[in-house]
Protein backbone atom coordinates (compact mmCIF):
# COMPACT_ATOMS: atom_id res chain seq x y z
CA MET A 1 115.30 -45.29 -9.80
CA LYS A 2 111.45 -45.93 -9.95
CA ASP A 3 109.89 -47.92 -13.43
CA ILE A 4 109.54 -45.09 -15.65
CA PRO A 5 105.85 -45.44 -16.98
CA PRO A 6 105.62 -46.47 -20.74
CA GLY A 7 105.48 -42.76 -22.93
CA THR A 8 107.25 -40.80 -20.64
CA VAL A 9 109.35 -38.71 -22.97
CA ASN A 10 111.80 -37.00 -20.23
CA PRO A 11 112.13 -39.03 -17.19
CA ALA A 12 113.19 -36.99 -14.16
CA VAL A 13 116.47 -36.54 -13.79
CA ARG A 14 118.37 -34.24 -10.99
CA ASN A 15 120.07 -31.37 -11.98
CA GLU A 16 122.49 -31.09 -9.01
CA THR A 17 124.44 -28.20 -10.05
CA VAL A 18 121.10 -26.10 -10.67
CA MET A 19 119.55 -27.42 -7.72
CA GLU A 20 122.55 -26.57 -5.57
CA PHE A 21 122.50 -22.89 -7.15
CA LEU A 22 118.69 -22.71 -6.10
CA LEU A 23 119.13 -23.92 -2.42
CA THR A 24 122.12 -21.92 -2.01
CA ARG A 25 121.45 -18.64 -3.93
CA ARG A 26 120.93 -15.05 -1.95
CA SER A 27 120.53 -11.74 -3.20
CA ARG A 28 123.11 -9.10 -2.46
CA PRO A 29 122.69 -5.51 -1.20
CA ALA A 30 122.65 -2.85 -3.54
CA LYS A 31 125.34 -1.07 -1.31
CA THR A 32 127.89 -3.70 -1.50
CA LEU A 33 127.75 -3.58 -4.84
CA ARG A 34 130.59 -1.93 -7.35
CA ALA A 35 131.74 -1.67 -10.63
CA PRO A 36 132.95 -3.42 -12.84
CA ALA A 37 129.48 -4.21 -14.23
CA PRO A 38 127.71 -6.68 -16.73
CA ASP A 39 128.82 -4.81 -20.09
CA ARG A 40 126.51 -5.20 -23.02
CA ALA A 41 127.16 -8.26 -24.35
CA ASP A 42 127.89 -10.15 -20.46
CA LEU A 43 123.77 -8.86 -20.01
CA MET A 44 122.27 -9.76 -23.51
CA PRO A 45 121.92 -13.68 -22.15
CA ILE A 46 121.34 -12.61 -18.32
CA LEU A 47 118.13 -10.73 -20.37
CA THR A 48 117.48 -13.30 -22.62
CA ALA A 49 117.12 -16.18 -19.37
CA ALA A 50 115.26 -13.91 -17.55
CA SER A 51 112.42 -13.38 -20.52
CA ARG A 52 112.16 -16.98 -19.95
CA VAL A 53 109.36 -17.40 -17.75
CA PRO A 54 105.39 -18.78 -17.72
CA ASP A 55 104.38 -16.19 -20.02
CA HIS A 56 100.57 -17.43 -20.85
CA GLY A 57 99.62 -16.45 -24.43
CA LYS A 58 102.73 -15.49 -24.95
CA LEU A 59 102.53 -12.02 -24.41
CA GLU A 60 105.32 -10.24 -23.24
CA PRO A 61 103.64 -8.37 -20.56
CA TRP A 62 107.51 -6.74 -19.79
CA ARG A 63 110.41 -4.89 -20.96
CA PHE A 64 113.40 -3.69 -19.86
CA ILE A 65 115.30 -0.88 -19.05
CA VAL A 66 118.89 -1.11 -18.83
CA LEU A 67 120.22 2.43 -16.71
CA GLU A 68 124.06 2.70 -17.27
CA ARG A 69 126.24 5.13 -15.85
CA GLU A 70 124.84 8.10 -17.66
CA GLY A 71 121.43 6.43 -17.41
CA LEU A 72 121.97 6.30 -13.60
CA ASP A 73 123.38 9.65 -13.13
CA ARG A 74 120.54 11.08 -14.81
CA LEU A 75 118.06 9.12 -12.88
CA ALA A 76 119.27 10.39 -9.65
CA ALA A 77 119.21 13.93 -10.26
CA ALA A 78 115.90 13.59 -11.48
CA ALA A 79 115.04 11.67 -8.34
CA ALA A 80 116.91 14.73 -6.12
CA SER A 81 114.48 17.29 -7.89
CA HIS A 82 112.03 15.12 -7.45
CA ALA A 83 111.95 14.47 -3.72
CA ASP A 84 112.49 18.24 -3.41
CA LYS A 85 109.49 18.98 -5.00
CA MET A 86 107.45 16.45 -2.44
CA GLY A 87 108.78 17.82 0.36
CA MET A 88 110.74 14.39 1.11
CA THR A 89 112.94 14.23 4.41
CA ALA A 90 116.41 13.82 3.58
CA GLU A 91 115.65 9.97 4.70
CA GLN A 92 113.23 9.35 2.41
CA ALA A 93 114.93 10.80 -0.92
CA GLY A 94 118.55 9.67 0.01
CA LYS A 95 116.84 6.05 -0.44
CA GLY A 96 115.50 6.59 -3.75
CA ILE A 97 118.83 8.95 -5.43
CA SER A 98 121.34 6.07 -3.80
CA GLN A 99 119.57 3.54 -5.99
CA PHE A 100 120.53 5.12 -8.98
CA SER A 101 123.87 7.41 -7.86
CA GLU A 102 125.59 4.00 -6.37
CA SER A 103 124.47 1.32 -8.62
CA PRO A 104 127.36 -0.02 -10.78
CA LEU A 105 124.36 -0.78 -13.66
CA ALA A 106 120.58 -1.15 -12.77
CA VAL A 107 117.92 -2.64 -15.15
CA ALA A 108 114.29 -1.48 -14.66
CA VAL A 109 111.77 -4.52 -15.30
CA VAL A 110 108.60 -2.99 -16.90
CA ARG A 111 105.35 -4.22 -16.92
CA VAL A 112 103.95 -3.58 -20.05
CA PRO A 113 99.78 -4.27 -20.48
CA ARG A 114 98.56 -6.65 -23.11
CA THR A 115 95.09 -6.61 -24.32
CA THR A 116 93.29 -9.53 -24.43
CA GLU A 117 90.48 -11.47 -22.99
CA LYS A 118 91.91 -15.01 -22.37
CA VAL A 119 94.68 -13.94 -20.09
CA PRO A 120 93.97 -12.62 -16.92
CA GLU A 121 95.83 -8.91 -15.79
CA ILE A 122 96.76 -10.62 -12.71
CA GLU A 123 99.04 -13.57 -14.76
CA GLN A 124 100.33 -10.85 -16.73
CA ILE A 125 101.62 -9.31 -13.26
CA LEU A 126 102.64 -12.56 -12.26
CA SER A 127 104.69 -13.01 -15.31
CA THR A 128 106.37 -9.97 -14.94
CA GLY A 129 107.69 -10.49 -11.22
CA ALA A 130 108.78 -13.80 -12.60
CA ALA A 131 110.60 -11.84 -14.69
CA CYS A 132 112.82 -9.61 -12.52
CA VAL A 133 112.99 -12.86 -10.03
CA SER A 134 114.60 -14.69 -13.12
CA LEU A 135 116.92 -11.47 -14.18
CA VAL A 136 118.48 -11.52 -10.22
CA ASN A 137 118.72 -15.76 -10.64
CA ALA A 138 120.75 -14.83 -13.84
CA ALA A 139 123.07 -12.69 -12.96
CA LEU A 140 123.63 -14.49 -9.87
CA ALA A 141 124.32 -17.65 -12.07
CA SER A 142 126.85 -15.61 -14.34
CA GLY A 143 128.88 -14.63 -11.27
CA TRP A 144 127.57 -11.20 -10.49
CA GLY A 145 126.05 -9.38 -7.33
CA ALA A 146 122.48 -8.54 -8.02
CA CYS A 147 119.28 -7.38 -6.43
CA TRP A 148 115.74 -6.84 -7.20
CA LEU A 149 114.50 -2.93 -5.48
CA THR A 150 111.69 -0.91 -5.61
CA GLY A 151 111.14 2.13 -3.25
CA TRP A 152 109.00 5.07 -4.17
CA PRO A 153 111.37 5.87 -7.42
CA ALA A 154 109.40 2.62 -8.35
CA HIS A 155 106.28 3.20 -6.74
CA ASP A 156 105.69 6.99 -7.62
CA HIS A 157 103.95 6.62 -10.70
CA ALA A 158 104.45 10.26 -11.54
CA PHE A 159 108.14 10.11 -11.42
CA ALA A 160 108.71 6.99 -13.32
CA ALA A 161 107.13 7.62 -16.06
CA LYS A 162 108.60 11.03 -16.40
CA ALA A 163 112.04 9.40 -15.53
CA LEU A 164 111.97 6.28 -18.17
CA GLY A 165 109.63 7.61 -20.75
CA LEU A 166 106.90 4.75 -19.72
CA GLN A 167 104.48 4.42 -21.86
CA PRO A 168 100.52 4.98 -20.91
CA GLY A 169 99.93 1.73 -18.19
CA GLU A 170 103.14 0.80 -17.65
CA TRP A 171 104.76 0.85 -14.66
CA VAL A 172 107.97 -0.57 -12.70
CA ALA A 173 108.15 -3.50 -11.30
CA GLY A 174 111.33 -2.85 -9.77
CA PHE A 175 115.00 -1.90 -10.28
CA VAL A 176 117.25 -5.16 -10.49
CA HIS A 177 120.90 -3.45 -9.37
CA VAL A 178 124.19 -5.65 -10.55
CA GLY A 179 127.75 -5.37 -10.19
CA SER A 180 131.11 -7.05 -8.58
CA GLU A 181 130.41 -8.05 -4.85
CA SER A 182 132.79 -5.93 -3.12
CA VAL A 183 132.52 -8.19 0.80
CA GLU A 184 130.52 -11.48 1.23
CA PRO A 185 127.02 -11.43 2.33
CA PRO A 186 125.82 -12.38 5.78
CA GLU A 187 123.55 -15.34 5.66
CA ARG A 188 119.81 -14.52 6.49
CA PRO A 189 116.96 -15.94 8.27
CA ARG A 190 115.08 -18.67 5.73
CA PRO A 191 111.57 -20.00 6.10
CA ASP A 192 110.69 -23.01 8.07
CA VAL A 193 109.57 -24.16 4.81
CA ALA A 194 107.36 -27.70 6.19
CA SER A 195 105.12 -24.64 8.28
CA LEU A 196 104.39 -23.55 5.27
CA ILE A 197 103.30 -26.45 3.23
CA THR A 198 99.70 -28.31 3.74
CA TRP A 199 99.96 -31.69 1.60
CA ALA A 200 96.41 -32.24 0.27
CA GLY A 201 96.67 -35.66 -0.77
């Protein structure tokens, strides 16, 4: 171990368990998630972990809407109605509807704008994205399958605002689906990290 400089409060100690999780983690396809899903007691520490993300100014520029079975069924019906009004094809509509009808539980991560001159909007948006990925990782670390989806139900603001009761300026960063794994997920190609790094020594 390298000599620890005087005044160092927390010398680097590798947490092997956490690093192994981060190096091997992977999202589970939403279509493979089944009941049971975490109950409210199970979900609280997961959501608490999801909220521990970089948040400049302590603005909390996001919030969570937990969609349990009744809420998912309501959104599936609303998605079907909206898709019909918009003239979507069966394939386009189906992807949005099944996201709710087949999910055991979902959490809508909502971007909440905060008015401040100190923290740029982009930093608030990035914090919201961080909450999404932290929610996925917290669910995976808790033994559940999880994934982060968007699709037209997230990007169609008129639909999301009405279906979820969003306030002015709010929008959906994604739906994090959580449930029990029904199959072992296949491995997927990973980035060549060395090719993505520039060392500016």
